[in-house]
Amino acid sequence: MSTSHGGAGPAWKSLAADLPASLVVFLVALPLCMGIALASGAPIVSGLIAGVVGGLVVGMLGGAPLQVSGPAAGLAVMVFGFIQQMGLAMTCAAVAAAGLLQMLFGGLKVARAALAISPAVIHGMLAGIGILIVLGQVHIVLGGSPQSSAFQNVKELPEQILSLHGPAAALGLLTIALMVVWPFLAKGKLKLVPAPLVAVVGASAVSVFWGADVARVELPANVFSSIQLPALPTGNWGVFVTAVLSLALVASAESLLSAVATDKMHTGPRANLDKELFAQGVANTVSGLVGGLPITGVIVRSAANIAAGAKSRASALLHGVWLLLFVTMLGHVAGLVPLTVLAGLLVVVGAKLVNMHHIRELSRRGEVLVYAVTVAGVVGINLLAGIGLGLLVAVLRLLWRLGSVQVDVAQVQGAYEVRVTGSLTFVGVPRLSMALAQVPPGASVRIDLAVDTLDHSGFEALESWSDTYRKTGGSVAMESLEEVWVRSGTTRPSQQVIGSQVSSNTLASEGAQ
């Protein structure tokens, strides 16, 4: 175990901070592991196994010192679909194989490539998953059963509301109320007590004293004897391969983005993303082999870890130890928790995935359309379709921006003024050529280049036109293309210096795309 902050003192001082932090993270992770297993359509024990493996394996091998890993709500909908299609045993095999891919990615040091995915797509994916979780789990909260699709869940919701199922609905709604109200009520040291723990313990205690006849969590008496071993498919390998690839890519992206976000929350050592990705792969392979859910770095648990004062990876590792002790020694306690309570917990967790701060930020940056398309695809079709549609819109938006050049030609006192604004790239060269064709031969032309991006095609188009125009008897005054190229943040294409006049205008550039 290493001390995470330079000059923070000997290891025992670090451990003195990590030990209480690990207990806080354990108390946050315990109900979430059970709830995410419920949302995934997997046995509750599969979620707890994933929590144990994520804590122990990534805690020992990870490259993000204060990140905490375990089963994540962001994969619940995807896993639910795979379990419905292939069964739990083959889904576990897919998780293990996805882990091998992640180890390969980490070994090839391509972790930062995952950060090239548009944040609008990632946030849209998580928001879509959050909506699906809410639409499905709210039926359990109200005492019913979730439907097969988002449309069916919405369609059946009014009837579900009109026929509330007594104690189950009351306990589910109580859980939601405690989750929402506790952060406002907690003062002083009580703020360290996580809302999920308060909600689950409080609602479960009410159910016990009430003697409510509701479905509760079931854990096997002997966890080790009930481990679900993975099984490879005997046919229909297409679904299996799709599961492996999608789990590997989505889990990797979520873990790495979480690691980057976690780095912003503390001043200790920065994350080694390739090492973290490799550790996530090892954890997923182990989890899949012993019947656990897929694992990612989880920002909620990581934020709780940092807020509780953790100093090193020991905190994440110890939280895995506490989860293991709970599963093996106190599993019967989980049997007191009603399923509707876990569903209420998930409704709040899912709702928080629709982050209004992200929506406002993306709106300011003009990327809300990418976000909306991704959300609509995830909710209306499926997760992979939503990601694919989001990436497509992001690429189309980029091409549109690269081609969003504006060329205005005006005649002023016998001379022609040409103002070029926006991004002058290969996409906008045809528009530039059509505008310059309006200028008659032999005139005096002044070109004002107020562009924020200039690529090689735009460079050559302007250079070629100005040279040709001068040869036909005209005069061209414009800023040196070499200077425009450099100011737009691009390496110059050649050593040739353009012999054109330098205008008095300055280039207002906000940075290249």
Protein backbone atom coordinates (compact mmCIF):
# COMPACT_ATOMS: atom_id res chain seq x y z
CA MET A 1 0.00 0.00 0.00
CA SER A 2 1.33 3.37 -0.91
CA THR A 3 0.85 6.77 0.52
CA SER A 4 -0.96 8.81 -2.06
CA HIS A 5 -0.04 12.38 -1.25
CA GLY A 6 3.55 13.42 -1.54
CA GLY A 7 5.03 14.08 1.91
CA ALA A 8 1.84 12.91 3.66
CA GLY A 9 3.81 10.93 6.22
CA PRO A 10 4.31 7.23 6.91
CA ALA A 11 1.93 4.55 5.75
CA TRP A 12 0.18 4.23 9.10
CA LYS A 13 -0.96 7.85 8.91
CA SER A 14 -2.42 7.14 5.49
CA LEU A 15 -4.11 4.02 6.85
CA ALA A 16 -5.59 6.04 9.73
CA ALA A 17 -7.45 8.08 7.09
CA ASP A 18 -8.18 5.16 4.75
CA LEU A 19 -9.80 2.92 7.37
CA PRO A 20 -12.77 5.18 8.23
CA ALA A 21 -13.11 6.18 4.57
CA SER A 22 -13.34 2.50 3.59
CA LEU A 23 -16.23 2.02 6.03
CA VAL A 24 -18.09 4.95 4.50
CA VAL A 25 -17.58 3.55 0.99
CA PHE A 26 -18.66 0.09 2.17
CA LEU A 27 -21.90 1.54 3.54
CA VAL A 28 -22.52 3.35 0.24
CA ALA A 29 -21.61 0.33 -1.91
CA LEU A 30 -23.55 -2.37 -0.02
CA PRO A 31 -27.09 -1.27 -0.93
CA LEU A 32 -26.00 -0.19 -4.42
CA CYS A 33 -24.47 -3.59 -5.19
CA MET A 34 -27.74 -5.28 -4.24
CA GLY A 35 -29.88 -2.75 -6.07
CA ILE A 36 -27.87 -2.90 -9.29
CA ALA A 37 -28.12 -6.70 -9.25
CA LEU A 38 -31.90 -6.34 -8.97
CA ALA A 39 -31.98 -3.91 -11.92
CA SER A 40 -29.74 -6.27 -13.94
CA GLY A 41 -32.11 -9.21 -13.47
CA ALA A 42 -29.30 -11.12 -11.75
CA PRO A 43 -29.18 -12.81 -8.32
CA ILE A 44 -28.43 -10.31 -5.55
CA VAL A 45 -25.29 -12.25 -4.70
CA SER A 46 -23.88 -11.50 -8.19
CA GLY A 47 -23.88 -7.80 -7.39
CA LEU A 48 -22.16 -8.38 -4.05
CA ILE A 49 -19.54 -10.62 -5.67
CA ALA A 50 -18.78 -7.87 -8.19
CA GLY A 51 -18.44 -5.37 -5.33
CA VAL A 52 -15.98 -7.65 -3.52
CA VAL A 53 -13.90 -8.32 -6.64
CA GLY A 54 -13.92 -4.67 -7.69
CA GLY A 55 -12.68 -3.62 -4.26
CA LEU A 56 -10.02 -6.28 -3.85
CA VAL A 57 -8.64 -6.63 -7.38
CA VAL A 58 -8.78 -3.03 -8.60
CA GLY A 59 -7.82 -1.87 -5.10
CA MET A 60 -4.58 -3.86 -5.41
CA LEU A 61 -3.78 -3.34 -9.11
CA GLY A 62 -5.50 -0.10 -10.14
CA GLY A 63 -3.85 3.00 -11.50
CA ALA A 64 -6.37 5.55 -10.17
CA PRO A 65 -5.44 5.81 -6.47
CA LEU A 66 -8.75 7.05 -5.07
CA GLN A 67 -11.21 5.54 -7.53
CA VAL A 68 -13.57 2.83 -6.21
CA SER A 69 -14.82 0.10 -8.53
CA GLY A 70 -17.79 -2.22 -8.48
CA PRO A 71 -21.04 -2.95 -10.30
CA ALA A 72 -22.41 0.20 -11.95
CA ALA A 73 -25.93 1.36 -12.76
CA GLY A 74 -24.60 2.39 -16.17
CA LEU A 75 -24.33 -1.26 -17.23
CA ALA A 76 -27.50 -2.57 -15.56
CA VAL A 77 -29.78 -2.22 -18.58
CA MET A 78 -27.23 -3.78 -20.90
CA VAL A 79 -26.65 -6.74 -18.55
CA PHE A 80 -30.41 -7.21 -18.11
CA GLY A 81 -30.79 -7.59 -21.88
CA PHE A 82 -27.94 -10.08 -22.15
CA ILE A 83 -29.28 -12.19 -19.28
CA GLN A 84 -32.67 -12.28 -20.99
CA GLN A 85 -31.05 -13.37 -24.27
CA MET A 86 -28.31 -15.73 -23.08
CA GLY A 87 -28.93 -16.54 -19.43
CA LEU A 88 -26.71 -15.73 -16.47
CA ALA A 89 -24.01 -18.35 -17.14
CA MET A 90 -23.23 -17.11 -20.66
CA THR A 91 -23.45 -13.48 -19.55
CA CYS A 92 -20.81 -14.23 -16.91
CA ALA A 93 -18.63 -15.75 -19.63
CA ALA A 94 -19.10 -12.59 -21.70
CA VAL A 95 -18.05 -10.48 -18.70
CA ALA A 96 -14.90 -12.58 -18.28
CA ALA A 97 -14.06 -12.31 -22.00
CA ALA A 98 -14.70 -8.57 -21.94
CA GLY A 99 -12.17 -8.36 -19.11
CA LEU A 100 -9.58 -10.07 -21.30
CA LEU A 101 -10.20 -7.44 -23.98
CA GLN A 102 -9.77 -4.68 -21.43
CA MET A 103 -6.45 -6.18 -20.34
CA LEU A 104 -5.38 -6.18 -23.99
CA PHE A 105 -6.42 -2.53 -24.36
CA GLY A 106 -4.48 -1.64 -21.23
CA GLY A 107 -1.42 -3.56 -22.39
CA LEU A 108 -1.50 -1.78 -25.76
CA LYS A 109 -1.71 1.56 -23.91
CA VAL A 110 -4.74 2.81 -25.79
CA ALA A 111 -6.67 3.95 -22.71
CA ARG A 112 -6.69 7.62 -23.69
CA ALA A 113 -8.39 6.75 -26.97
CA ALA A 114 -11.60 6.16 -25.00
CA LEU A 115 -11.52 9.80 -23.96
CA ALA A 116 -12.02 10.76 -27.62
CA ILE A 117 -15.69 9.74 -27.33
CA SER A 118 -17.88 12.82 -27.21
CA PRO A 119 -18.92 13.61 -23.61
CA ALA A 120 -22.39 14.36 -25.00
CA VAL A 121 -22.67 10.70 -26.08
CA ILE A 122 -21.45 9.39 -22.71
CA HIS A 123 -23.76 11.65 -20.71
CA GLY A 124 -26.63 10.84 -23.07
CA MET A 125 -25.99 7.12 -22.69
CA LEU A 126 -26.02 7.38 -18.88
CA ALA A 127 -29.15 9.56 -18.93
CA GLY A 128 -30.93 7.08 -21.20
CA ILE A 129 -29.94 4.23 -18.89
CA GLY A 130 -31.15 6.26 -15.92
CA ILE A 131 -34.55 6.80 -17.55
CA LEU A 132 -34.86 3.08 -18.31
CA ILE A 133 -33.95 2.20 -14.72
CA VAL A 134 -36.53 4.64 -13.34
CA LEU A 135 -39.27 3.44 -15.70
CA GLY A 136 -38.62 -0.19 -14.79
CA GLN A 137 -38.02 0.10 -11.06
CA VAL A 138 -40.93 2.44 -10.36
CA HIS A 139 -43.24 -0.49 -11.10
CA ILE A 140 -41.52 -2.53 -8.38
CA VAL A 141 -41.74 0.47 -6.02
CA LEU A 142 -45.48 0.56 -6.59
CA GLY A 143 -45.71 -3.16 -5.86
CA GLY A 144 -45.96 -4.46 -9.43
CA SER A 145 -43.57 -5.85 -12.04
CA PRO A 146 -41.58 -4.02 -14.73
CA GLN A 147 -42.58 -4.42 -18.37
CA SER A 148 -40.45 -5.49 -21.31
CA SER A 149 -39.76 -2.04 -22.81
CA ALA A 150 -39.75 1.65 -21.96
CA PHE A 151 -42.94 2.17 -23.99
CA GLN A 152 -44.75 -0.63 -22.17
CA ASN A 153 -43.55 0.69 -18.80
CA VAL A 154 -44.96 4.13 -19.59
CA LYS A 155 -48.17 2.64 -20.98
CA GLU A 156 -48.81 0.51 -17.87
CA LEU A 157 -47.79 3.17 -15.35
CA PRO A 158 -51.23 4.86 -14.91
CA GLU A 159 -52.85 1.51 -14.10
CA GLN A 160 -50.03 0.72 -11.69
CA ILE A 161 -50.55 4.03 -9.88
CA LEU A 162 -54.30 3.45 -9.61
CA SER A 163 -53.80 0.01 -8.06
CA LEU A 164 -51.10 0.59 -5.42
CA HIS A 165 -50.05 -2.64 -3.71
CA GLY A 166 -50.28 -1.61 -0.05
CA PRO A 167 -47.14 -2.20 2.06
CA ALA A 168 -44.79 -2.66 -0.91
CA ALA A 169 -45.71 0.71 -2.40
CA ALA A 170 -45.51 2.45 0.99
CA LEU A 171 -42.02 1.08 1.66
CA GLY A 172 -40.78 1.94 -1.81
CA LEU A 173 -42.05 5.50 -1.59
CA LEU A 174 -40.59 5.83 1.92
CA THR A 175 -37.18 4.81 0.55
CA ILE A 176 -37.35 7.46 -2.17
CA ALA A 177 -38.39 10.08 0.38
CA LEU A 178 -35.48 9.21 2.70
CA MET A 179 -33.00 9.30 -0.21
CA VAL A 180 -34.18 12.76 -1.23
CA VAL A 181 -34.62 14.30 2.23
CA TRP A 182 -31.56 12.97 4.11
CA PRO A 183 -28.92 15.19 2.41
CA PHE A 184 -30.93 18.24 3.54
CA LEU A 185 -31.49 16.98 7.09
CA ALA A 186 -27.99 15.69 7.84
CA LYS A 187 -25.86 18.19 9.76
CA GLY A 188 -22.29 18.02 11.04
CA LYS A 189 -20.88 14.50 11.25
CA LEU A 190 -24.20 13.03 10.16
CA LYS A 191 -23.29 14.16 6.63
CA LEU A 192 -20.81 11.27 6.58
CA VAL A 193 -23.71 8.80 6.86
CA PRO A 194 -24.65 8.04 3.24
CA ALA A 195 -28.24 8.55 2.12
CA PRO A 196 -28.51 5.06 0.52
CA LEU A 197 -27.67 3.46 3.87
CA VAL A 198 -30.17 5.62 5.76
CA ALA A 199 -32.89 4.89 3.21
CA VAL A 200 -32.36 1.13 3.05
CA VAL A 201 -31.86 0.60 6.80
CA GLY A 202 -34.70 2.95 7.70
CA ALA A 203 -37.25 1.50 5.29
CA SER A 204 -36.18 -2.08 6.10
CA ALA A 205 -36.57 -1.42 9.83
CA VAL A 206 -40.06 -0.05 9.23
CA SER A 207 -40.94 -3.17 7.23
CA VAL A 208 -39.77 -5.43 10.07
CA PHE A 209 -41.64 -3.55 12.82
CA TRP A 210 -44.67 -3.31 10.57
CA GLY A 211 -44.52 -7.03 9.81
CA ALA A 212 -45.05 -6.21 6.14
CA ASP A 213 -45.63 -9.21 3.89
CA VAL A 214 -43.35 -8.23 1.00
CA ALA A 215 -40.72 -9.97 -1.14
CA ARG A 216 -37.25 -9.64 0.37
CA VAL A 217 -33.63 -10.18 -0.64
CA GLU A 218 -32.57 -13.81 -0.75
CA LEU A 219 -28.93 -14.72 -0.28
CA PRO A 220 -27.70 -18.32 -0.23
CA ALA A 221 -26.55 -19.68 3.10
CA ASN A 222 -23.21 -20.65 1.56
CA VAL A 223 -22.13 -18.08 -1.02
CA PHE A 224 -19.20 -20.15 -2.28
CA SER A 225 -21.32 -23.21 -3.03
CA SER A 226 -23.81 -21.14 -5.00
CA ILE A 227 -21.32 -19.41 -7.30
CA GLN A 228 -22.60 -19.39 -10.89
CA LEU A 229 -19.87 -20.77 -13.14
CA PRO A 230 -19.68 -19.23 -16.63
CA ALA A 231 -20.62 -21.22 -19.73
CA LEU A 232 -19.72 -20.62 -23.36
CA PRO A 233 -22.57 -20.65 -25.90
CA THR A 234 -23.23 -23.80 -27.91
CA GLY A 235 -24.66 -21.68 -30.71
CA ASN A 236 -25.70 -18.11 -31.52
CA TRP A 237 -22.18 -16.80 -31.08
CA GLY A 238 -23.20 -13.48 -32.62
CA VAL A 239 -25.06 -12.38 -29.48
CA PHE A 240 -22.15 -13.51 -27.31
CA VAL A 241 -19.54 -11.61 -29.35
CA THR A 242 -21.76 -8.52 -29.34
CA ALA A 243 -22.04 -8.79 -25.56
CA VAL A 244 -18.27 -9.11 -25.13
CA LEU A 245 -17.44 -6.13 -27.35
CA SER A 246 -20.14 -3.84 -25.98
CA LEU A 247 -19.35 -4.67 -22.34
CA ALA A 248 -15.62 -4.12 -22.91
CA LEU A 249 -16.08 -0.78 -24.70
CA VAL A 250 -18.77 0.71 -22.46
CA ALA A 251 -17.15 -0.47 -19.22
CA SER A 252 -13.76 0.86 -20.35
CA ALA A 253 -15.16 4.26 -21.33
CA GLU A 254 -17.11 4.61 -18.10
CA SER A 255 -14.13 3.57 -15.93
CA LEU A 256 -11.69 5.91 -17.66
CA LEU A 257 -14.04 8.89 -17.63
CA SER A 258 -14.71 8.22 -13.96
CA ALA A 259 -10.95 8.11 -13.31
CA VAL A 260 -10.49 11.48 -15.03
CA ALA A 261 -13.37 12.96 -13.02
CA THR A 262 -11.93 11.52 -9.81
CA ASP A 263 -8.56 13.15 -10.54
CA LYS A 264 -10.29 16.53 -10.49
CA MET A 265 -11.54 15.93 -6.95
CA HIS A 266 -8.18 15.54 -5.20
CA THR A 267 -4.61 16.82 -5.30
CA GLY A 268 -2.81 13.48 -4.91
CA PRO A 269 -1.06 11.44 -7.61
CA ARG A 270 -2.74 11.45 -11.03
CA ALA A 271 -4.30 8.33 -12.49
CA ASN A 272 -2.33 6.01 -14.76
CA LEU A 273 -5.17 5.26 -17.19
CA ASP A 274 -3.54 2.29 -18.93
CA LYS A 275 -2.78 0.63 -15.60
CA GLU A 276 -6.32 1.35 -14.41
CA LEU A 277 -7.81 -0.16 -17.58
CA PHE A 278 -5.69 -3.30 -17.19
CA ALA A 279 -6.81 -3.65 -13.55
CA GLN A 280 -10.45 -3.21 -14.58
CA GLY A 281 -9.93 -6.02 -17.10
CA VAL A 282 -8.46 -8.35 -14.48
CA ALA A 283 -11.38 -7.57 -12.16
CA ASN A 284 -13.99 -8.24 -14.83
CA THR A 285 -12.38 -11.53 -15.79
CA VAL A 286 -12.32 -12.66 -12.16
CA SER A 287 -15.87 -11.41 -11.57
CA GLY A 288 -17.20 -13.22 -14.62
CA LEU A 289 -15.48 -16.46 -13.65
CA VAL A 290 -17.08 -16.46 -10.19
CA GLY A 291 -20.57 -15.38 -11.25
CA GLY A 292 -20.33 -11.64 -10.66
CA LEU A 293 -21.65 -8.67 -12.61
CA PRO A 294 -19.40 -6.48 -14.78
CA ILE A 295 -17.28 -3.92 -12.95
CA THR A 296 -16.40 -0.30 -13.70
CA GLY A 297 -14.96 2.62 -11.83
CA VAL A 298 -17.93 4.32 -10.14
CA ILE A 299 -17.96 8.07 -9.59
CA VAL A 300 -20.52 8.00 -6.74
CA ARG A 301 -18.42 5.65 -4.61
CA SER A 302 -15.20 7.42 -5.62
CA ALA A 303 -16.61 10.81 -4.61
CA ALA A 304 -17.72 9.37 -1.25
CA ASN A 305 -14.23 7.91 -0.80
CA ILE A 306 -12.52 11.27 -1.39
CA ALA A 307 -15.04 13.20 0.71
CA ALA A 308 -14.40 10.79 3.59
CA GLY A 309 -10.69 11.64 3.52
CA ALA A 310 -9.12 8.62 1.78
CA LYS A 311 -5.41 8.94 1.02
CA SER A 312 -4.55 5.79 -0.98
CA ARG A 313 -5.83 2.67 -2.72
CA ALA A 314 -6.04 1.00 0.71
CA SER A 315 -9.50 2.50 1.19
CA ALA A 316 -10.94 0.84 -1.93
CA LEU A 317 -9.20 -2.42 -1.03
CA LEU A 318 -10.58 -2.39 2.54
CA HIS A 319 -14.12 -1.65 1.35
CA GLY A 320 -13.86 -4.89 -0.64
CA VAL A 321 -12.77 -6.71 2.52
CA TRP A 322 -15.81 -5.38 4.42
CA LEU A 323 -18.12 -6.48 1.59
CA LEU A 324 -16.55 -9.95 1.65
CA LEU A 325 -17.02 -10.24 5.42
CA PHE A 326 -20.64 -9.13 5.10
CA VAL A 327 -21.42 -11.66 2.35
CA THR A 328 -19.80 -14.56 4.21
CA MET A 329 -20.77 -13.76 7.80
CA LEU A 330 -23.78 -11.42 7.80
CA GLY A 331 -25.61 -12.43 4.65
CA HIS A 332 -28.75 -13.26 6.65
CA VAL A 333 -29.08 -9.54 7.51
CA ALA A 334 -29.68 -8.79 3.83
CA GLY A 335 -32.75 -11.02 4.03
CA LEU A 336 -34.46 -8.25 6.00
CA VAL A 337 -34.32 -5.85 3.03
CA PRO A 338 -37.50 -5.72 0.89
CA LEU A 339 -36.98 -5.71 -2.87
CA THR A 340 -39.23 -2.67 -3.16
CA VAL A 341 -36.76 -0.79 -0.95
CA LEU A 342 -33.90 -1.57 -3.33
CA ALA A 343 -36.14 -0.52 -6.23
CA GLY A 344 -36.79 2.81 -4.51
CA LEU A 345 -33.04 3.28 -4.11
CA LEU A 346 -32.58 2.60 -7.84
CA VAL A 347 -35.28 5.08 -8.84
CA VAL A 348 -33.27 7.87 -7.19
CA VAL A 349 -29.95 6.58 -8.55
CA GLY A 350 -31.43 6.37 -12.06
CA ALA A 351 -32.93 9.85 -11.83
CA LYS A 352 -29.54 11.27 -10.84
CA LEU A 353 -28.04 9.90 -14.05
CA VAL A 354 -30.09 12.55 -15.85
CA ASN A 355 -27.75 15.32 -14.75
CA MET A 356 -29.14 18.82 -15.29
CA HIS A 357 -25.67 20.36 -14.90
CA HIS A 358 -24.45 18.30 -17.85
CA ILE A 359 -27.47 19.29 -19.93
CA ARG A 360 -26.88 23.01 -19.27
CA GLU A 361 -23.18 22.65 -20.05
CA LEU A 362 -23.85 20.79 -23.31
CA SER A 363 -26.49 23.35 -24.24
CA ARG A 364 -23.96 26.17 -23.87
CA ARG A 365 -21.56 24.26 -26.12
CA GLY A 366 -24.21 23.51 -28.73
CA GLU A 367 -24.02 19.74 -28.17
CA VAL A 368 -27.45 19.16 -26.66
CA LEU A 369 -28.71 17.63 -29.94
CA VAL A 370 -26.08 14.86 -29.69
CA TYR A 371 -27.17 14.27 -26.09
CA ALA A 372 -30.88 14.19 -26.98
CA VAL A 373 -30.42 11.79 -29.90
CA THR A 374 -28.34 9.44 -27.72
CA VAL A 375 -30.97 9.48 -24.96
CA ALA A 376 -33.79 8.86 -27.46
CA GLY A 377 -31.88 5.98 -29.06
CA VAL A 378 -31.06 4.31 -25.74
CA VAL A 379 -34.63 4.63 -24.44
CA GLY A 380 -36.49 4.00 -27.69
CA ILE A 381 -34.32 1.32 -29.32
CA ASN A 382 -31.45 -0.09 -27.27
CA LEU A 383 -28.15 0.90 -25.70
CA LEU A 384 -25.89 0.16 -28.66
CA ALA A 385 -28.25 1.85 -31.12
CA GLY A 386 -28.34 4.93 -28.90
CA ILE A 387 -24.55 5.11 -28.70
CA GLY A 388 -24.26 4.58 -32.46
CA LEU A 389 -26.81 7.29 -33.27
CA GLY A 390 -25.14 9.68 -30.83
CA LEU A 391 -21.71 9.12 -32.38
CA LEU A 392 -23.18 9.59 -35.87
CA VAL A 393 -24.77 12.92 -34.94
CA ALA A 394 -21.53 14.00 -33.23
CA VAL A 395 -19.53 13.26 -36.39
CA LEU A 396 -22.10 15.02 -38.62
CA ARG A 397 -22.03 18.02 -36.28
CA LEU A 398 -18.24 18.11 -36.49
CA LEU A 399 -18.35 17.99 -40.30
CA TRP A 400 -20.95 20.75 -40.32
CA ARG A 401 -18.78 22.91 -38.08
CA LEU A 402 -15.72 22.22 -40.21
CA GLY A 403 -17.71 23.33 -43.25
CA SER A 404 -19.36 26.32 -41.58
CA VAL A 405 -17.40 28.95 -43.46
CA GLN A 406 -19.05 32.27 -44.34
CA VAL A 407 -17.73 34.24 -47.33
CA ASP A 408 -19.11 37.75 -47.91
CA VAL A 409 -18.18 39.75 -51.01
CA ALA A 410 -18.90 43.49 -51.14
CA GLN A 411 -17.88 46.33 -53.46
CA VAL A 412 -16.60 49.43 -51.65
CA GLN A 413 -15.51 52.52 -53.63
CA GLY A 414 -14.58 50.53 -56.70
CA ALA A 415 -12.62 47.89 -54.78
CA TYR A 416 -13.84 44.49 -53.58
CA GLU A 417 -13.76 43.35 -49.98
CA VAL A 418 -13.97 39.62 -49.24
CA ARG A 419 -14.52 38.61 -45.60
CA VAL A 420 -14.01 34.94 -44.68
CA THR A 421 -15.22 33.79 -41.26
CA GLY A 422 -15.71 30.42 -39.54
CA SER A 423 -13.73 27.28 -40.34
CA LEU A 424 -12.05 27.21 -43.73
CA THR A 425 -11.43 23.51 -44.33
CA PHE A 426 -11.76 21.13 -47.27
CA VAL A 427 -15.52 21.00 -46.64
CA GLY A 428 -15.87 24.77 -47.16
CA VAL A 429 -13.52 25.18 -50.14
CA PRO A 430 -16.35 24.86 -52.75
CA ARG A 431 -18.28 27.68 -51.03
CA LEU A 432 -15.12 29.83 -51.00
CA SER A 433 -14.49 29.18 -54.70
CA MET A 434 -18.07 30.13 -55.67
CA ALA A 435 -17.82 33.38 -53.70
CA LEU A 436 -14.43 34.34 -55.17
CA ALA A 437 -15.80 33.68 -58.66
CA GLN A 438 -18.05 36.75 -58.18
CA VAL A 439 -15.01 39.04 -58.20
CA PRO A 440 -14.40 40.37 -61.74
CA PRO A 441 -10.86 40.17 -63.25
CA GLY A 442 -8.46 43.06 -62.84
CA ALA A 443 -10.01 44.56 -59.71
CA SER A 444 -8.42 45.56 -56.45
CA VAL A 445 -9.32 42.93 -53.83
CA ARG A 446 -8.86 43.00 -50.08
CA ILE A 447 -9.36 39.65 -48.25
CA ASP A 448 -10.09 39.71 -44.52
CA LEU A 449 -9.38 36.27 -43.01
CA ALA A 450 -11.24 36.10 -39.68
CA VAL A 451 -11.15 32.31 -39.54
CA ASP A 452 -10.67 30.14 -36.47
CA THR A 453 -9.57 27.09 -38.48
CA LEU A 454 -7.54 26.86 -41.68
CA ASP A 455 -6.56 23.47 -43.07
CA HIS A 456 -4.26 22.60 -45.97
CA SER A 457 -7.07 22.58 -48.54
CA GLY A 458 -8.22 26.06 -47.55
CA PHE A 459 -4.61 27.28 -47.51
CA GLU A 460 -3.95 26.04 -51.05
CA ALA A 461 -7.31 27.29 -52.37
CA LEU A 462 -6.58 30.86 -51.22
CA GLU A 463 -2.95 30.73 -52.35
CA SER A 464 -3.86 29.40 -55.78
CA TRP A 465 -6.67 31.91 -56.36
CA SER A 466 -4.59 34.93 -55.26
CA ASP A 467 -1.63 33.92 -57.46
CA THR A 468 -3.87 33.37 -60.48
CA TYR A 469 -5.80 36.60 -59.86
CA ARG A 470 -2.58 38.67 -59.73
CA LYS A 471 -1.36 37.09 -62.97
CA THR A 472 -4.54 38.28 -64.71
CA GLY A 473 -3.89 41.90 -63.74
CA GLY A 474 -5.68 42.15 -60.39
CA SER A 475 -4.24 43.02 -56.99
CA VAL A 476 -4.83 41.10 -53.79
CA ALA A 477 -4.18 42.37 -50.29
CA MET A 478 -4.53 39.92 -47.40
CA GLU A 479 -2.82 38.76 -44.27
CA SER A 480 0.03 36.32 -44.74
CA LEU A 481 -1.44 32.83 -45.00
CA GLU A 482 1.54 31.58 -43.03
CA GLU A 483 0.50 33.78 -40.09
CA VAL A 484 -3.14 32.75 -40.35
CA TRP A 485 -2.07 29.10 -40.41
CA VAL A 486 0.01 29.48 -37.28
CA ARG A 487 -2.65 31.50 -35.44
CA SER A 488 -5.27 28.86 -36.18
CA GLY A 489 -3.15 26.41 -34.23
CA THR A 490 -1.84 24.29 -37.10
CA THR A 491 1.68 23.39 -38.21
CA ARG A 492 2.52 25.17 -41.44
CA PRO A 493 2.16 23.01 -44.56
CA SER A 494 5.30 24.09 -46.35
CA GLN A 495 8.34 26.33 -46.14
CA GLN A 496 7.05 28.57 -48.92
CA VAL A 497 6.35 32.14 -47.80
CA ILE A 498 3.37 33.74 -49.45
CA GLY A 499 4.25 37.11 -50.97
CA SER A 500 1.07 38.96 -50.14
CA GLN A 501 0.45 42.21 -48.36
CA VAL A 502 -0.34 42.16 -44.68
CA SER A 503 -3.62 43.84 -43.86
CA SER A 504 -4.18 45.87 -40.73
CA ASN A 505 -6.82 43.45 -39.47
CA THR A 506 -5.99 41.06 -36.67
CA LEU A 507 -7.18 37.48 -36.58
CA ALA A 508 -9.70 36.76 -33.85
CA SER A 509 -9.21 33.09 -33.18
CA GLU A 510 -10.73 31.06 -30.36
CA GLY A 511 -8.64 27.97 -31.07
CA ALA A 512 -8.62 25.30 -33.72
CA GLN A 513 -11.12 22.47 -33.74
